[in-house]
Protein backbone atom coordinates (compact mmCIF):
# COMPACT_ATOMS: atom_id res chain seq x y z
CA MET A 1 36.91 -15.22 -37.24
CA SER A 2 39.95 -14.41 -39.40
CA THR A 3 41.35 -10.88 -39.43
CA VAL A 4 44.30 -11.65 -41.69
CA ALA A 5 44.17 -10.52 -45.30
CA PRO A 6 45.44 -12.57 -48.28
CA THR A 7 47.98 -9.88 -49.28
CA VAL A 8 50.87 -8.74 -47.09
CA PRO A 9 50.58 -5.90 -46.32
CA THR A 10 47.00 -5.10 -47.20
CA GLY A 11 47.84 -1.62 -48.45
CA LEU A 12 44.73 -0.28 -46.73
CA ARG A 13 45.29 2.85 -44.65
CA GLU A 14 42.70 1.75 -42.09
CA ASP A 15 44.71 -1.41 -41.29
CA GLU A 16 46.93 0.35 -38.76
CA ILE A 17 48.60 -2.69 -37.14
CA GLN A 18 49.23 -5.81 -39.22
CA ILE A 19 50.92 -8.83 -37.64
CA TYR A 20 51.84 -11.88 -39.68
CA ASP A 21 53.14 -15.22 -38.35
CA LEU A 22 54.93 -13.60 -35.42
CA HIS A 23 57.32 -15.77 -33.42
CA LYS A 24 59.41 -14.78 -30.42
CA SER A 25 61.75 -16.97 -28.39
CA PHE A 26 63.83 -16.33 -25.31
CA GLY A 27 66.56 -18.92 -25.56
CA GLN A 28 64.86 -22.30 -25.93
CA ILE A 29 61.49 -21.00 -24.77
CA GLU A 30 59.15 -20.02 -27.60
CA VAL A 31 56.84 -17.35 -26.20
CA LEU A 32 54.94 -16.41 -29.37
CA LYS A 33 54.08 -19.20 -31.79
CA GLY A 34 52.82 -17.72 -35.02
CA ILE A 35 50.55 -14.80 -34.09
CA SER A 36 48.63 -13.17 -36.95
CA THR A 37 46.04 -10.41 -36.63
CA ILE A 38 45.07 -7.01 -38.01
CA ILE A 39 43.91 -4.03 -35.93
CA ARG A 40 42.01 -1.43 -37.88
CA ARG A 41 41.69 2.32 -37.48
CA GLY A 42 39.49 3.26 -34.52
CA GLU A 43 39.29 -0.33 -33.29
CA VAL A 44 39.78 -1.14 -29.61
CA VAL A 45 41.27 -4.62 -29.20
CA CYS A 46 41.72 -6.07 -25.72
CA VAL A 47 44.17 -8.94 -25.32
CA ILE A 48 43.41 -11.21 -22.38
CA GLY A 49 44.87 -14.44 -21.08
CA PRO A 50 46.79 -16.00 -18.20
CA SER A 51 50.20 -14.83 -17.05
CA GLY A 52 52.86 -16.26 -19.31
CA SER A 53 50.62 -16.48 -22.36
CA GLY A 54 52.69 -13.96 -24.36
CA LYS A 55 50.35 -10.95 -24.18
CA SER A 56 52.90 -8.35 -23.11
CA THR A 57 55.57 -9.81 -25.35
CA LEU A 58 53.21 -9.42 -28.31
CA LEU A 59 52.60 -5.78 -27.41
CA ARG A 60 56.30 -5.09 -26.96
CA CYS A 61 57.06 -6.65 -30.33
CA VAL A 62 54.63 -4.28 -32.03
CA ASN A 63 56.91 -1.31 -31.35
CA LEU A 64 60.13 -3.36 -31.28
CA LEU A 65 60.81 -3.07 -27.58
CA GLU A 66 61.32 -6.79 -28.17
CA LEU A 67 62.80 -7.94 -31.47
CA PRO A 68 60.71 -10.75 -33.01
CA THR A 69 62.48 -14.00 -33.81
CA SER A 70 60.55 -14.18 -37.08
CA GLY A 71 57.41 -12.81 -38.68
CA ARG A 72 56.43 -9.40 -40.02
CA ILE A 73 54.75 -6.38 -38.42
CA PHE A 74 53.40 -3.41 -40.35
CA ILE A 75 52.50 -0.10 -38.74
CA LEU A 76 50.43 2.16 -41.00
CA ASN A 77 51.44 -0.15 -43.88
CA GLN A 78 55.16 0.35 -43.22
CA GLU A 79 57.10 -2.71 -42.09
CA ILE A 80 58.67 -1.94 -38.73
CA THR A 81 60.36 -5.37 -38.74
CA ASP A 82 62.25 -4.52 -41.94
CA PRO A 83 65.94 -4.12 -40.95
CA ASP A 84 66.05 -0.95 -43.06
CA ALA A 85 62.91 0.56 -41.53
CA PHE A 86 63.03 3.87 -39.69
CA ALA A 87 61.78 2.24 -36.51
CA ASP A 88 62.19 5.34 -34.34
CA GLU A 89 60.06 7.38 -36.73
CA LEU A 90 57.33 4.72 -36.70
CA ARG A 91 57.47 4.59 -32.90
CA THR A 92 56.49 8.27 -32.79
CA LYS A 93 53.15 7.19 -34.30
CA MET A 94 52.51 4.86 -31.35
CA GLY A 95 51.91 5.90 -27.77
CA MET A 96 52.67 3.26 -25.14
CA VAL A 97 51.56 3.09 -21.52
CA PHE A 98 53.29 0.54 -19.30
CA GLN A 99 52.38 -1.33 -16.12
CA GLN A 100 54.75 0.95 -14.24
CA PHE A 101 54.40 4.65 -14.87
CA ASN A 102 58.05 5.29 -15.86
CA LEU A 103 57.79 9.03 -15.23
CA PHE A 104 60.95 11.06 -14.78
CA PRO A 105 60.97 11.72 -11.01
CA HIS A 106 62.92 14.99 -11.32
CA LEU A 107 60.46 16.51 -13.80
CA THR A 108 57.00 17.91 -13.14
CA ALA A 109 53.92 16.38 -14.73
CA LEU A 110 53.95 19.08 -17.40
CA GLN A 111 57.66 18.61 -18.09
CA ASN A 112 57.18 14.85 -18.38
CA CYS A 113 54.66 15.56 -21.13
CA THR A 114 56.84 18.04 -23.02
CA VAL A 115 60.30 16.47 -22.95
CA ALA A 116 59.68 14.12 -25.90
CA PRO A 117 57.77 16.59 -28.13
CA ILE A 118 60.55 19.15 -27.64
CA ASN A 119 63.50 16.78 -28.10
CA VAL A 120 62.07 14.23 -30.56
CA LEU A 121 59.47 16.17 -32.55
CA LYS A 122 61.50 19.41 -32.26
CA ARG A 123 58.50 21.46 -31.19
CA ASP A 124 59.02 24.81 -29.54
CA LYS A 125 58.45 24.91 -25.80
CA ALA A 126 55.30 27.03 -25.89
CA THR A 127 53.57 24.75 -28.42
CA ALA A 128 54.60 21.63 -26.52
CA GLU A 129 53.34 23.05 -23.21
CA THR A 130 50.00 24.09 -24.70
CA ASN A 131 49.44 20.60 -26.11
CA ALA A 132 50.64 18.93 -22.90
CA LEU A 133 48.31 21.04 -20.75
CA LYS A 134 45.41 20.13 -23.03
CA ASN A 135 46.18 16.44 -22.52
CA LEU A 136 46.66 16.79 -18.77
CA THR A 137 43.27 18.51 -18.63
CA MET A 138 41.74 15.68 -20.65
CA VAL A 139 42.94 13.15 -18.05
CA GLY A 140 41.66 15.33 -15.20
CA LEU A 141 45.01 16.75 -14.09
CA GLY A 142 45.06 20.17 -15.66
CA ASP A 143 45.69 21.74 -12.25
CA ARG A 144 48.59 19.41 -11.35
CA GLY A 145 51.06 20.32 -14.09
CA ASP A 146 53.56 21.66 -11.54
CA ALA A 147 53.42 18.54 -9.35
CA TYR A 148 56.26 16.03 -9.28
CA PRO A 149 55.51 12.30 -9.55
CA ALA A 150 56.21 11.74 -5.85
CA GLN A 151 53.42 14.21 -5.06
CA LEU A 152 50.86 12.23 -7.08
CA SER A 153 48.97 9.03 -6.37
CA GLY A 154 49.59 5.95 -8.48
CA GLY A 155 46.43 6.53 -10.46
CA GLN A 156 47.38 10.15 -11.09
CA GLN A 157 50.86 9.11 -12.23
CA GLN A 158 49.37 6.64 -14.68
CA ARG A 159 47.08 9.34 -16.03
CA VAL A 160 50.12 11.59 -16.49
CA ALA A 161 51.73 8.70 -18.38
CA ILE A 162 48.69 8.57 -20.69
CA ALA A 163 48.84 12.35 -21.18
CA ARG A 164 52.56 12.05 -21.92
CA ALA A 165 51.90 9.45 -24.63
CA LEU A 166 49.10 11.58 -26.13
CA SER A 167 51.36 14.62 -26.21
CA MET A 168 53.28 12.97 -29.06
CA ASP A 169 50.03 13.05 -31.10
CA PRO A 170 50.11 9.30 -31.81
CA GLU A 171 47.85 7.61 -34.32
CA LEU A 172 47.43 4.56 -32.10
CA MET A 173 47.92 3.62 -28.45
CA LEU A 174 49.35 0.50 -26.82
CA PHE A 175 48.48 -0.25 -23.18
CA ASP A 176 50.32 -2.97 -21.25
CA GLU A 177 48.16 -3.79 -18.21
CA PRO A 178 47.95 -0.10 -17.25
CA THR A 179 45.99 -0.74 -14.04
CA SER A 180 47.85 -3.78 -12.70
CA ALA A 181 50.13 -1.74 -10.40
CA LEU A 182 47.32 0.37 -8.94
CA ASP A 183 45.30 0.08 -5.76
CA PRO A 184 41.78 -1.10 -6.65
CA GLU A 185 40.19 2.25 -5.73
CA LEU A 186 42.46 4.07 -8.22
CA VAL A 187 41.70 1.84 -11.20
CA GLY A 188 38.42 3.53 -12.14
CA ASP A 189 39.92 6.92 -13.04
CA VAL A 190 42.46 5.35 -15.39
CA LEU A 191 39.83 3.19 -17.07
CA SER A 192 37.62 6.25 -17.42
CA VAL A 193 40.36 8.04 -19.35
CA MET A 194 40.85 5.00 -21.57
CA ARG A 195 37.10 4.87 -22.14
CA GLN A 196 37.21 8.51 -23.27
CA LEU A 197 40.02 7.70 -25.70
CA ALA A 198 38.06 4.81 -27.15
CA LYS A 199 35.02 7.03 -27.68
CA SER A 200 37.22 9.60 -29.45
CA GLY A 201 38.10 7.00 -32.09
CA MET A 202 41.68 6.28 -31.00
CA THR A 203 43.03 2.95 -32.22
CA MET A 204 43.91 0.99 -29.07
CA MET A 205 45.58 -2.35 -28.36
CA VAL A 206 45.13 -3.11 -24.66
CA VAL A 207 46.61 -5.97 -22.65
CA THR A 208 44.37 -6.19 -19.62
CA HIS A 209 42.88 -8.32 -16.85
CA GLU A 210 39.95 -5.90 -16.49
CA MET A 211 37.18 -8.09 -17.93
CA ALA A 212 34.40 -5.55 -17.35
CA PHE A 213 36.36 -2.90 -19.25
CA ALA A 214 37.09 -5.31 -22.10
CA ARG A 215 33.46 -6.33 -22.37
CA GLU A 216 32.20 -2.73 -22.32
CA VAL A 217 34.79 -0.93 -24.44
CA ALA A 218 36.47 -3.43 -26.78
CA ASP A 219 35.37 -3.96 -30.34
CA ARG A 220 37.26 -7.25 -30.34
CA VAL A 221 38.78 -9.47 -27.67
CA ILE A 222 41.76 -11.75 -28.27
CA PHE A 223 42.29 -14.59 -25.81
CA MET A 224 45.87 -15.87 -25.78
CA ASP A 225 47.34 -18.92 -24.12
CA GLY A 226 50.63 -20.70 -24.62
CA GLY A 227 51.83 -18.17 -27.18
CA VAL A 228 48.91 -18.58 -29.60
CA ILE A 229 45.55 -16.92 -30.20
CA VAL A 230 43.04 -19.44 -28.89
CA GLU A 231 39.91 -17.42 -29.59
CA GLU A 232 39.01 -13.94 -30.83
CA GLY A 233 35.86 -12.06 -31.64
CA PRO A 234 33.37 -9.57 -30.20
CA PRO A 235 33.50 -9.32 -26.40
CA ASP A 236 29.99 -10.69 -25.97
CA ALA A 237 31.13 -13.82 -27.79
CA VAL A 238 34.60 -14.35 -26.31
CA ILE A 239 33.78 -13.25 -22.75
CA GLY A 240 30.05 -13.85 -22.73
CA ASN A 241 29.89 -17.11 -24.66
CA PRO A 242 33.39 -18.55 -25.21
CA GLN A 243 33.63 -21.52 -27.56
CA HIS A 244 36.93 -23.01 -26.35
CA GLU A 245 37.22 -24.88 -23.06
CA ARG A 246 40.54 -23.16 -22.29
CA THR A 247 38.83 -19.76 -22.58
CA ARG A 248 35.98 -20.90 -20.34
CA THR A 249 38.41 -22.20 -17.73
CA PHE A 250 40.37 -18.94 -17.71
CA LEU A 251 37.26 -16.81 -17.37
CA ARG A 252 35.91 -18.96 -14.54
CA ARG A 253 39.14 -18.41 -12.63
CA VAL A 254 39.20 -14.68 -13.30
CA LEU A 255 35.53 -13.95 -12.71
CA ASP A 256 35.00 -16.33 -9.79
CA PRO A 257 38.43 -16.87 -8.16
CA THR A 258 37.00 -17.99 -4.80
CA HIS A 259 35.77 -21.24 -6.36
CA VAL A 260 39.08 -22.41 -7.84
CA ASP A 261 40.42 -25.59 -6.26
CA THR A 262 43.65 -25.18 -4.32
CA GLY A 263 46.60 -25.90 -6.61
CA ALA A 264 44.51 -25.79 -9.78
CA GLU A 265 46.43 -22.78 -11.11
CA ASP A 266 49.73 -24.59 -10.53
CA ASP A 267 48.51 -27.65 -12.40
CA ALA A 268 47.18 -25.52 -15.25
CA TYR A 269 50.43 -23.60 -15.55
CA ALA A 270 52.47 -26.81 -15.56
CA ALA A 271 50.22 -28.31 -18.25
CA ARG A 272 50.59 -25.24 -20.46
CA HIS A 273 54.37 -25.29 -20.16
CA GLU A 274 54.90 -29.03 -20.35
CA GLY A 275 58.13 -29.89 -22.11
CA LEU A 276 60.11 -26.77 -21.15
CA PRO A 277 63.74 -27.55 -20.30
CA ASP A 278 64.50 -28.38 -16.68
CA LYS A 279 67.65 -26.27 -16.52
CA ASP A 280 68.42 -26.66 -12.85
CA GLY A 281 67.73 -30.41 -12.67
CA ASP A 282 65.17 -30.17 -9.88
CA GLY A 283 62.53 -32.05 -11.88
CA ARG A 284 60.01 -29.21 -12.11
CA THR A 285 58.80 -26.76 -14.73
CA PRO A 286 60.47 -23.34 -14.44
CA ILE A 287 58.50 -20.70 -12.58
CA LEU A 288 57.27 -17.86 -14.76
CA GLY A 289 60.11 -15.47 -15.57
CA GLU A 290 62.61 -17.55 -13.59
CA GLY A 291 66.15 -17.04 -14.77
CA HIS A 292 65.22 -15.15 -17.95
CA HIS A 293 65.91 -11.53 -17.02
CA SER A 294 69.25 -11.82 -18.80
CA ALA A 295 67.32 -11.93 -22.06
CA GLY A 296 67.22 -8.15 -22.08
CA LEU A 297 64.09 -7.58 -20.03
CA GLY A 298 63.58 -5.21 -17.19
CA GLY A 299 62.19 -5.91 -13.78
CA GLY A 300 58.65 -6.11 -15.09
CA GLY A 301 58.83 -9.87 -15.68
CA LEU A 302 59.30 -12.00 -18.75
CA PHE A 303 55.89 -11.98 -20.35
């Protein structure tokens, strides 16, 4: 199934994210190897795949938290990868929710949701607070606006982070494994909020390991491995009846991890990264993220 149009960009308003031949390298390691896809207005696209496949790097390239090595990305038919683009203005159209909540610890939940609208969108305080309270209520935290992050559970903090992103009135939302840092019992509330957003028609690009969520909510699933799109299509096809052996292997490991042979993940990782430089001379493939934090990444890992 091809989602890439013959003209670049398409010029269609409903094609909200357009990615063409995207490459990204960290030093000698090529993380993205020619990704092309289009995400349309109101579409929920879940990106799945093993650690190190390039999922988070792809998401971070969409709003230029990572600068692509080559390729073109259009947001609302404006090229964000153009050196002359007003990238900060385009970023205001995109809400992003990270693995870690990244809330300001010295600000209340309400203040976390108003600081950007007031300082970036130049809204008056009363308008910003009214909108922020509406979004906190939508995520089930309308009565916790005065609470500081330390007074909230992990799941509540992540819901504040979603409300904060929504308070910028974005046209699309990016989620980078938003439940991966949560205790299992807290995951459901966050997924419920995301489910609400999907039903409201919000365009969403979601990197996730939550297969049940992807199968229920996504309009399209992209399976990535080794920096390329291996398979994409409706969730019932990609998750329910995958055509590629690599997709089937991944799903077996995710959906039935107790039946994976000991060491199989190590062998699979080594096979996917065969040929990477052995920088320290110890004769083994580098461990994921090893020695690459100097490439401008935070503590969240390389990919």
